[in-house]
Amino acid sequence: MRSEKVNVLYVNGTGDASGAENSTLTLLRRLDRARFCPILVCPFIGTFTELAKQSGVEISILDVKALAFTRGPIIFSLDMVRLLPFILRLTRLIKKESIDLLHVNSYRIGVPCSIAAKLAGVPVIWHVRDIPASKIKRRAVAWLADKLADKVIAVSGAVANVFKGEGKGTERVEIIYNGIDADEFAEKGLGKRNELRQEFGVDESSFLIGNIGQLIPWKGQDRFIKAARRTIDHVPRAKFLIVGGEVRTAWRTPRDYVECKSRLLDLVRELGMSNHVVFTGLRRDIPAILSALDLYVHSSISPDPLPRVLLEAMACRVPIVAPQAGGIPEMIEDGTAGILFPPGDVGAMCNAIVSLLMDEDKRHEMADVAYAIVKTRFSVESHVRRITEVYEELLLRAQV
């Protein structure tokens, strides 16, 4: 019976699946169900909730709200009033389901969730998967986590530095890399290369270069398009995929996605790249997409905490070009496991793309090194073990 187990409530700011949600799914699927009973709270039914449900996770729908993190005590107070109904509903759910631990999947929803956890008398974990953009916001997040979180799990050293840099509650911060079952993931794309390349009109004498991520400005797809334009001057037989679409969240509006995609489409037309750039929209066959690529290019212009898509590309032995910022240098060793470039530098991105497209041996060599890294440094077994160790630590502390 569930009451004999440890009930863990996971709160997520979206019901759709993206990198953070896929990492959470990996944890939920590997969690010891003899010891832990997971329950997932999301604001709506989407791809994430459906996949979690298929994995035997109980789903509860609440109108999850995020703190705006705007400046000024008056605005902050008004925002807390807006969050109050969600806080009360979550508190009731925690008590109703006899929850033992609250696991919050983003700092953006950490404040209201922590207040609910305190009201219900249960420990709360902030799983921080983002690097706040401004110094003011980083200070606010570090201060609030120090006051409200019993434990902070940072997905990379770059994320942990948000807290260490502010000197707030650093003893509560633990770096736990996301995990992936590399062989299981890559196997899903086996035998799909030719089929996918035919779909996108690319034969084996041409190159297919991919970029995967939500269509939001900081992901830098505009830089990718500009680098693509420069690349075809050197490698005319190249096609570029932009894979991604809208992921609904508690802190973003549909208008953000619509405006971003419109700007990207306009840029493609302005640069005369309509025959070279394909927007695929959201795809669920990412292993197959990766298997079809000759090169994966990540283009974020803000520090990316630990992009899961890079783990997936590494698992599929796809050579990588990526920005040297955030948690990426913890994943990719520059010059051996891939090529890193200054964030937003279109010329450097293009040079890296061209150099790898012109050197097949180097592509294979780097892909093999990256595969070895993902197998050892980012194993799913290590990820699940370390998360459950955090759970046991907090449960033991709660008994004292």
Protein backbone atom coordinates (compact mmCIF):
# COMPACT_ATOMS: atom_id res chain seq x y z
CA MET A 1 0.00 0.00 0.00
CA ARG A 2 1.13 3.54 -0.74
CA SER A 3 0.94 4.60 2.91
CA GLU A 4 3.72 2.12 3.72
CA LYS A 5 6.05 3.88 1.30
CA VAL A 6 7.66 7.31 1.13
CA ASN A 7 5.29 9.57 -0.78
CA VAL A 8 7.18 12.07 -2.94
CA LEU A 9 5.27 14.90 -4.59
CA TYR A 10 6.89 16.36 -7.72
CA VAL A 11 5.69 19.80 -8.81
CA ASN A 12 6.37 20.92 -12.37
CA GLY A 13 5.56 24.19 -14.12
CA THR A 14 4.38 22.57 -17.35
CA GLY A 15 2.52 19.48 -18.48
CA ASP A 16 4.49 19.42 -21.74
CA ALA A 17 7.77 17.56 -22.16
CA SER A 18 11.08 19.31 -22.74
CA GLY A 19 14.62 18.69 -21.48
CA ALA A 20 13.89 19.14 -17.76
CA GLU A 21 10.80 16.97 -17.98
CA ASN A 22 12.64 14.22 -19.85
CA SER A 23 15.26 14.22 -17.10
CA THR A 24 12.49 13.97 -14.51
CA LEU A 25 10.90 11.09 -16.42
CA THR A 26 14.21 9.25 -16.32
CA LEU A 27 14.21 9.59 -12.53
CA LEU A 28 10.55 8.60 -12.13
CA ARG A 29 11.00 5.48 -14.27
CA ARG A 30 14.08 4.31 -12.35
CA LEU A 31 12.92 5.22 -8.84
CA ASP A 32 12.67 2.26 -6.46
CA ARG A 33 8.88 1.84 -6.28
CA ALA A 34 9.22 -0.53 -3.35
CA ARG A 35 10.55 2.42 -1.35
CA PHE A 36 9.12 5.54 -3.03
CA CYS A 37 5.68 6.40 -4.38
CA PRO A 38 5.84 9.33 -6.84
CA ILE A 39 2.93 11.71 -7.44
CA LEU A 40 3.23 14.42 -10.10
CA VAL A 41 1.56 17.84 -10.03
CA CYS A 42 1.35 19.84 -13.28
CA PRO A 43 -0.81 22.77 -14.44
CA PHE A 44 -2.37 20.87 -17.35
CA ILE A 45 -2.43 17.57 -19.23
CA GLY A 46 0.29 17.36 -21.86
CA THR A 47 3.00 15.12 -23.27
CA PHE A 48 4.88 15.06 -19.96
CA THR A 49 1.89 14.01 -17.88
CA GLU A 50 0.91 11.38 -20.44
CA LEU A 51 4.40 9.84 -20.45
CA ALA A 52 4.53 9.91 -16.65
CA LYS A 53 1.12 8.27 -16.43
CA GLN A 54 2.29 5.51 -18.78
CA SER A 55 5.15 4.92 -16.33
CA GLY A 56 2.71 4.34 -13.47
CA VAL A 57 2.94 7.79 -11.88
CA GLU A 58 -0.18 9.26 -10.28
CA ILE A 59 -1.07 12.66 -11.80
CA SER A 60 -2.75 15.62 -10.11
CA ILE A 61 -3.65 18.80 -11.99
CA LEU A 62 -3.29 22.11 -10.14
CA ASP A 63 -2.97 25.60 -11.57
CA VAL A 64 0.75 25.84 -10.77
CA LYS A 65 1.92 29.45 -10.41
CA ALA A 66 5.41 30.93 -10.70
CA LEU A 67 6.85 33.89 -8.82
CA ALA A 68 7.45 36.80 -11.18
CA PHE A 69 10.75 37.83 -9.47
CA THR A 70 10.01 41.49 -10.23
CA ARG A 71 11.74 44.26 -8.33
CA GLY A 72 10.13 46.21 -5.50
CA PRO A 73 8.35 45.18 -2.30
CA ILE A 74 4.91 46.38 -3.46
CA ILE A 75 4.96 44.33 -6.66
CA PHE A 76 6.39 41.35 -4.76
CA SER A 77 3.56 41.58 -2.20
CA LEU A 78 0.92 41.76 -4.92
CA ASP A 79 2.48 38.74 -6.61
CA MET A 80 2.29 36.76 -3.38
CA VAL A 81 -1.44 37.55 -3.18
CA ARG A 82 -1.81 36.15 -6.70
CA LEU A 83 -0.02 32.96 -5.62
CA LEU A 84 -2.11 32.43 -2.48
CA PRO A 85 -4.88 30.21 -3.99
CA PHE A 86 -2.25 27.86 -5.47
CA ILE A 87 -0.36 27.73 -2.16
CA LEU A 88 -3.51 26.76 -0.26
CA ARG A 89 -4.53 24.11 -2.80
CA LEU A 90 -1.05 22.59 -2.79
CA THR A 91 -1.01 22.55 1.02
CA ARG A 92 -4.31 20.66 1.07
CA LEU A 93 -3.00 18.17 -1.50
CA ILE A 94 0.18 17.53 0.53
CA LYS A 95 -1.90 16.76 3.61
CA LYS A 96 -4.51 14.71 1.74
CA GLU A 97 -1.92 12.48 0.06
CA SER A 98 0.24 12.13 3.22
CA ILE A 99 3.25 13.49 1.36
CA ASP A 100 6.65 12.96 2.97
CA LEU A 101 8.83 14.99 0.57
CA LEU A 102 8.18 17.82 -1.89
CA HIS A 103 10.43 17.89 -4.97
CA VAL A 104 10.10 21.16 -6.92
CA ASN A 105 11.35 21.06 -10.49
CA SER A 106 12.26 24.74 -10.99
CA TYR A 107 13.32 27.69 -8.85
CA ARG A 108 10.55 29.71 -10.55
CA ILE A 109 7.88 27.79 -8.64
CA GLY A 110 10.05 27.22 -5.57
CA VAL A 111 8.65 30.02 -3.41
CA PRO A 112 4.93 29.11 -3.45
CA CYS A 113 5.74 25.40 -3.22
CA SER A 114 8.06 25.96 -0.26
CA ILE A 115 5.43 27.96 1.60
CA ALA A 116 2.96 25.11 1.07
CA ALA A 117 5.56 22.60 2.28
CA LYS A 118 6.24 24.64 5.43
CA LEU A 119 2.50 24.93 6.14
CA ALA A 120 2.15 21.16 5.75
CA GLY A 121 5.33 20.38 7.70
CA VAL A 122 7.29 18.47 5.03
CA PRO A 123 10.84 18.96 3.66
CA VAL A 124 11.21 20.62 0.27
CA ILE A 125 13.84 20.21 -2.45
CA TRP A 126 14.51 22.81 -5.13
CA HIS A 127 15.82 21.11 -8.27
CA VAL A 128 17.44 24.06 -10.01
CA ARG A 129 17.76 23.53 -13.76
CA ASP A 130 18.21 27.17 -14.81
CA ILE A 131 20.71 29.98 -14.47
CA PRO A 132 18.89 33.25 -13.73
CA ALA A 133 19.71 35.84 -16.36
CA SER A 134 20.46 38.88 -14.19
CA LYS A 135 22.65 39.38 -11.12
CA ILE A 136 19.65 40.77 -9.22
CA LYS A 137 17.61 37.66 -9.97
CA ARG A 138 20.54 35.38 -9.05
CA ARG A 139 20.81 37.14 -5.68
CA ALA A 140 17.07 36.83 -5.13
CA VAL A 141 17.03 33.13 -5.99
CA ALA A 142 20.01 32.39 -3.74
CA TRP A 143 18.48 34.33 -0.83
CA LEU A 144 15.05 32.71 -1.19
CA ALA A 145 16.50 29.21 -1.51
CA ASP A 146 18.56 29.81 1.63
CA LYS A 147 15.40 30.74 3.53
CA LEU A 148 12.95 28.25 2.05
CA ALA A 149 14.65 25.13 0.65
CA ASP A 150 15.83 22.22 2.79
CA LYS A 151 18.02 21.09 -0.10
CA VAL A 152 19.01 22.53 -3.48
CA ILE A 153 19.95 20.13 -6.27
CA ALA A 154 21.95 21.94 -8.96
CA VAL A 155 22.22 20.20 -12.33
CA SER A 156 25.75 21.52 -12.90
CA GLY A 157 28.59 23.37 -11.28
CA ALA A 158 27.56 26.44 -13.26
CA VAL A 159 24.14 26.34 -11.57
CA ALA A 160 25.69 25.74 -8.15
CA ASN A 161 27.81 28.86 -8.64
CA VAL A 162 24.60 30.93 -8.53
CA PHE A 163 24.44 30.07 -4.83
CA LYS A 164 28.15 29.92 -4.10
CA GLY A 165 28.66 33.31 -5.73
CA GLU A 166 26.13 34.84 -3.36
CA GLY A 167 27.41 32.86 -0.36
CA LYS A 168 23.91 31.72 0.53
CA GLY A 169 23.17 28.29 1.95
CA THR A 170 26.00 26.65 0.05
CA GLU A 171 26.02 23.67 2.43
CA ARG A 172 22.52 22.84 1.19
CA VAL A 173 23.54 22.84 -2.47
CA GLU A 174 24.47 19.55 -4.10
CA ILE A 175 25.55 19.11 -7.71
CA ILE A 176 23.84 16.13 -9.31
CA TYR A 177 24.21 15.79 -13.07
CA ASN A 178 21.25 14.64 -15.11
CA GLY A 179 21.51 11.03 -16.20
CA ILE A 180 20.76 9.18 -19.40
CA ASP A 181 20.78 5.54 -20.42
CA ALA A 182 22.90 6.22 -23.50
CA ASP A 183 22.52 2.86 -25.20
CA GLU A 184 18.78 2.62 -24.56
CA PHE A 185 18.26 6.11 -25.98
CA ALA A 186 20.43 5.58 -29.06
CA GLU A 187 18.77 2.24 -29.81
CA LYS A 188 15.46 4.03 -30.46
CA GLY A 189 17.02 5.72 -33.48
CA LEU A 190 18.74 2.69 -35.00
CA GLY A 191 17.86 2.03 -38.62
CA LYS A 192 16.07 5.38 -39.02
CA ARG A 193 18.85 7.43 -40.63
CA ASN A 194 17.93 6.91 -44.29
CA GLU A 195 14.21 7.31 -43.65
CA LEU A 196 14.68 10.63 -41.85
CA ARG A 197 17.15 12.00 -44.39
CA GLN A 198 14.72 11.19 -47.17
CA GLU A 199 11.98 13.02 -45.26
CA PHE A 200 14.14 16.15 -45.19
CA GLY A 201 15.41 15.76 -48.76
CA VAL A 202 19.03 15.03 -47.90
CA ASP A 203 21.07 12.32 -49.60
CA GLU A 204 24.33 10.82 -48.33
CA SER A 205 26.42 13.19 -50.44
CA SER A 206 25.02 16.15 -48.49
CA PHE A 207 25.29 17.24 -44.87
CA LEU A 208 22.44 17.50 -42.37
CA ILE A 209 23.07 19.83 -39.42
CA GLY A 210 20.57 20.02 -36.56
CA ASN A 211 19.54 22.39 -33.78
CA ILE A 212 17.02 21.19 -31.18
CA GLY A 213 15.25 23.27 -28.54
CA GLN A 214 12.29 25.40 -27.59
CA LEU A 215 11.68 28.34 -29.91
CA ILE A 216 12.53 31.09 -27.45
CA PRO A 217 15.00 33.95 -28.01
CA TRP A 218 17.74 32.84 -25.62
CA LYS A 219 18.12 29.53 -27.43
CA GLY A 220 19.77 31.54 -30.22
CA GLN A 221 18.20 29.95 -33.30
CA ASP A 222 18.69 33.29 -35.08
CA ARG A 223 22.47 32.90 -34.66
CA PHE A 224 22.22 29.34 -35.96
CA ILE A 225 20.42 30.59 -39.09
CA LYS A 226 23.04 33.30 -39.65
CA ALA A 227 25.85 30.78 -39.22
CA ALA A 228 24.05 28.46 -41.65
CA ARG A 229 24.03 31.24 -44.24
CA ARG A 230 27.79 31.65 -43.93
CA THR A 231 28.34 27.89 -43.92
CA ILE A 232 26.76 27.29 -47.34
CA ASP A 233 29.34 29.61 -48.90
CA HIS A 234 31.89 26.91 -47.99
CA VAL A 235 29.68 23.80 -48.00
CA PRO A 236 26.81 24.36 -50.48
CA ARG A 237 25.34 20.86 -50.06
CA ALA A 238 24.16 21.41 -46.50
CA LYS A 239 20.70 21.49 -44.97
CA PHE A 240 19.85 22.78 -41.50
CA LEU A 241 17.09 21.49 -39.23
CA ILE A 242 15.49 23.59 -36.50
CA VAL A 243 13.62 21.14 -34.30
CA GLY A 244 11.31 22.51 -31.63
CA GLY A 245 8.20 24.48 -30.91
CA GLU A 246 6.13 25.82 -28.06
CA VAL A 247 6.35 24.36 -24.57
CA ARG A 248 3.61 25.84 -22.37
CA THR A 249 4.82 26.86 -18.92
CA ALA A 250 3.64 28.71 -15.83
CA TRP A 251 6.00 31.60 -16.67
CA ARG A 252 5.70 32.00 -20.46
CA THR A 253 2.82 32.97 -22.77
CA PRO A 254 1.95 31.44 -26.18
CA ARG A 255 2.62 34.87 -27.68
CA ASP A 256 6.33 34.51 -26.82
CA TYR A 257 6.59 31.43 -29.04
CA VAL A 258 4.55 32.92 -31.90
CA GLU A 259 6.66 36.07 -31.99
CA CYS A 260 9.94 34.13 -31.85
CA LYS A 261 9.00 31.78 -34.68
CA SER A 262 7.75 34.67 -36.81
CA ARG A 263 11.09 36.47 -36.43
CA LEU A 264 13.00 33.31 -37.33
CA LEU A 265 10.90 32.68 -40.45
CA ASP A 266 11.42 36.31 -41.53
CA LEU A 267 15.17 35.93 -41.03
CA VAL A 268 15.29 32.77 -43.17
CA ARG A 269 13.48 34.60 -45.99
CA GLU A 270 15.68 37.70 -45.69
CA LEU A 271 18.84 35.59 -45.96
CA GLY A 272 17.51 33.55 -48.89
CA MET A 273 17.79 30.33 -46.90
CA SER A 274 14.33 28.86 -47.52
CA ASN A 275 15.82 25.92 -49.46
CA HIS A 276 18.40 25.21 -46.78
CA VAL A 277 16.51 25.58 -43.47
CA VAL A 278 13.68 23.29 -42.34
CA PHE A 279 11.47 23.98 -39.31
CA THR A 280 10.21 20.59 -38.16
CA GLY A 281 8.07 21.77 -35.23
CA LEU A 282 7.89 19.62 -32.11
CA ARG A 283 9.13 16.08 -32.69
CA ARG A 284 8.93 13.07 -30.38
CA ASP A 285 11.38 10.97 -32.44
CA ILE A 286 14.50 12.78 -31.25
CA PRO A 287 16.70 9.63 -31.28
CA ALA A 288 15.79 9.14 -34.96
CA ILE A 289 16.39 12.83 -35.72
CA LEU A 290 19.83 12.66 -34.11
CA SER A 291 20.70 9.46 -35.97
CA ALA A 292 20.10 11.31 -39.24
CA LEU A 293 22.44 14.21 -38.43
CA ASP A 294 26.04 14.69 -39.47
CA LEU A 295 26.51 17.43 -36.88
CA TYR A 296 24.59 18.87 -33.94
CA VAL A 297 24.90 22.60 -33.23
CA HIS A 298 23.74 24.16 -29.97
CA SER A 299 23.28 27.93 -30.16
CA SER A 300 22.15 29.30 -26.77
CA ILE A 301 23.19 32.91 -26.19
CA SER A 302 22.62 32.77 -22.42
CA PRO A 303 24.40 30.23 -20.19
CA ASP A 304 22.68 26.87 -20.61
CA PRO A 305 22.71 24.99 -17.27
CA LEU A 306 23.13 21.42 -18.60
CA PRO A 307 21.25 20.96 -21.90
CA ARG A 308 19.85 17.45 -22.06
CA VAL A 309 19.90 17.46 -25.85
CA LEU A 310 23.70 17.44 -25.69
CA LEU A 311 23.60 14.27 -23.59
CA GLU A 312 21.28 12.78 -26.21
CA ALA A 313 23.58 13.79 -29.08
CA MET A 314 26.56 12.34 -27.20
CA ALA A 315 24.62 9.10 -26.67
CA CYS A 316 23.91 8.90 -30.42
CA ARG A 317 27.56 9.61 -31.29
CA VAL A 318 26.71 12.84 -33.12
CA PRO A 319 29.60 15.35 -33.19
CA ILE A 320 28.81 18.60 -31.39
CA VAL A 321 29.43 22.33 -31.78
CA ALA A 322 28.23 24.34 -28.77
CA PRO A 323 28.76 27.58 -26.80
CA GLN A 324 31.45 27.67 -24.15
CA ALA A 325 29.19 28.80 -21.31
CA GLY A 326 27.02 27.55 -18.47
CA GLY A 327 27.30 23.84 -17.77
CA ILE A 328 28.35 22.92 -21.31
CA PRO A 329 32.13 22.85 -20.59
CA GLU A 330 31.34 20.29 -17.86
CA MET A 331 29.89 18.08 -20.60
CA ILE A 332 32.04 18.75 -23.66
CA GLU A 333 35.82 18.92 -23.52
CA ASP A 334 36.72 21.53 -26.13
CA GLY A 335 38.75 20.15 -29.00
CA THR A 336 38.41 16.51 -27.96
CA ALA A 337 34.69 15.81 -27.42
CA GLY A 338 33.42 18.68 -29.59
CA ILE A 339 34.16 22.27 -30.51
CA LEU A 340 33.09 25.11 -28.22
CA PHE A 341 32.74 28.76 -29.28
CA PRO A 342 31.98 32.08 -27.54
CA PRO A 343 28.20 32.39 -27.03
CA GLY A 344 26.49 34.36 -29.79
CA ASP A 345 29.60 34.51 -32.00
CA VAL A 346 28.20 33.66 -35.44
CA GLY A 347 31.61 33.68 -37.13
CA ALA A 348 33.14 31.28 -34.61
CA MET A 349 30.08 29.03 -34.84
CA CYS A 350 30.38 28.93 -38.63
CA ASN A 351 34.12 28.20 -38.49
CA ALA A 352 33.53 25.29 -36.11
CA ILE A 353 30.75 23.88 -38.32
CA VAL A 354 32.82 24.10 -41.49
CA SER A 355 35.96 22.64 -39.89
CA LEU A 356 34.07 19.54 -38.73
CA LEU A 357 32.08 19.08 -41.93
CA MET A 358 35.37 19.08 -43.85
CA ASP A 359 36.99 16.49 -41.57
CA GLU A 360 35.06 13.22 -41.31
CA ASP A 361 37.72 11.49 -39.23
CA LYS A 362 37.64 14.31 -36.68
CA ARG A 363 33.86 14.09 -36.47
CA HIS A 364 33.98 10.38 -35.67
CA GLU A 365 36.85 10.79 -33.23
CA MET A 366 35.08 13.54 -31.25
CA ALA A 367 31.80 11.65 -31.25
CA ASP A 368 33.51 8.59 -29.75
CA VAL A 369 35.11 10.67 -26.99
CA ALA A 370 31.76 12.32 -26.19
CA TYR A 371 30.06 8.92 -26.05
CA ALA A 372 32.61 7.68 -23.52
CA ILE A 373 31.98 10.79 -21.38
CA VAL A 374 28.21 10.40 -21.36
CA LYS A 375 28.52 6.73 -20.39
CA THR A 376 30.68 7.46 -17.37
CA ARG A 377 29.96 10.99 -16.13
CA PHE A 378 26.22 11.06 -16.83
CA SER A 379 24.99 7.55 -16.09
CA VAL A 380 21.36 7.18 -15.08
CA GLU A 381 22.32 4.81 -12.27
CA SER A 382 24.50 7.44 -10.59
CA HIS A 383 21.81 10.10 -11.03
CA VAL A 384 19.05 8.04 -9.42
CA ARG A 385 21.31 6.82 -6.60
CA ARG A 386 22.37 10.33 -5.64
CA ILE A 387 18.82 11.72 -5.77
CA THR A 388 17.55 8.95 -3.50
CA GLU A 389 20.45 9.61 -1.12
CA VAL A 390 19.18 13.20 -0.81
CA TYR A 391 15.69 11.87 -0.10
CA GLU A 392 16.96 9.57 2.63
CA GLU A 393 19.04 12.36 4.18
CA LEU A 394 16.01 14.67 4.43
CA LEU A 395 13.75 11.91 5.74
CA LEU A 396 16.27 11.06 8.46
CA ARG A 397 16.64 14.72 9.37
CA ALA A 398 12.85 15.12 9.59
CA GLN A 399 12.70 12.34 12.21
CA VAL A 400 15.15 14.07 14.55
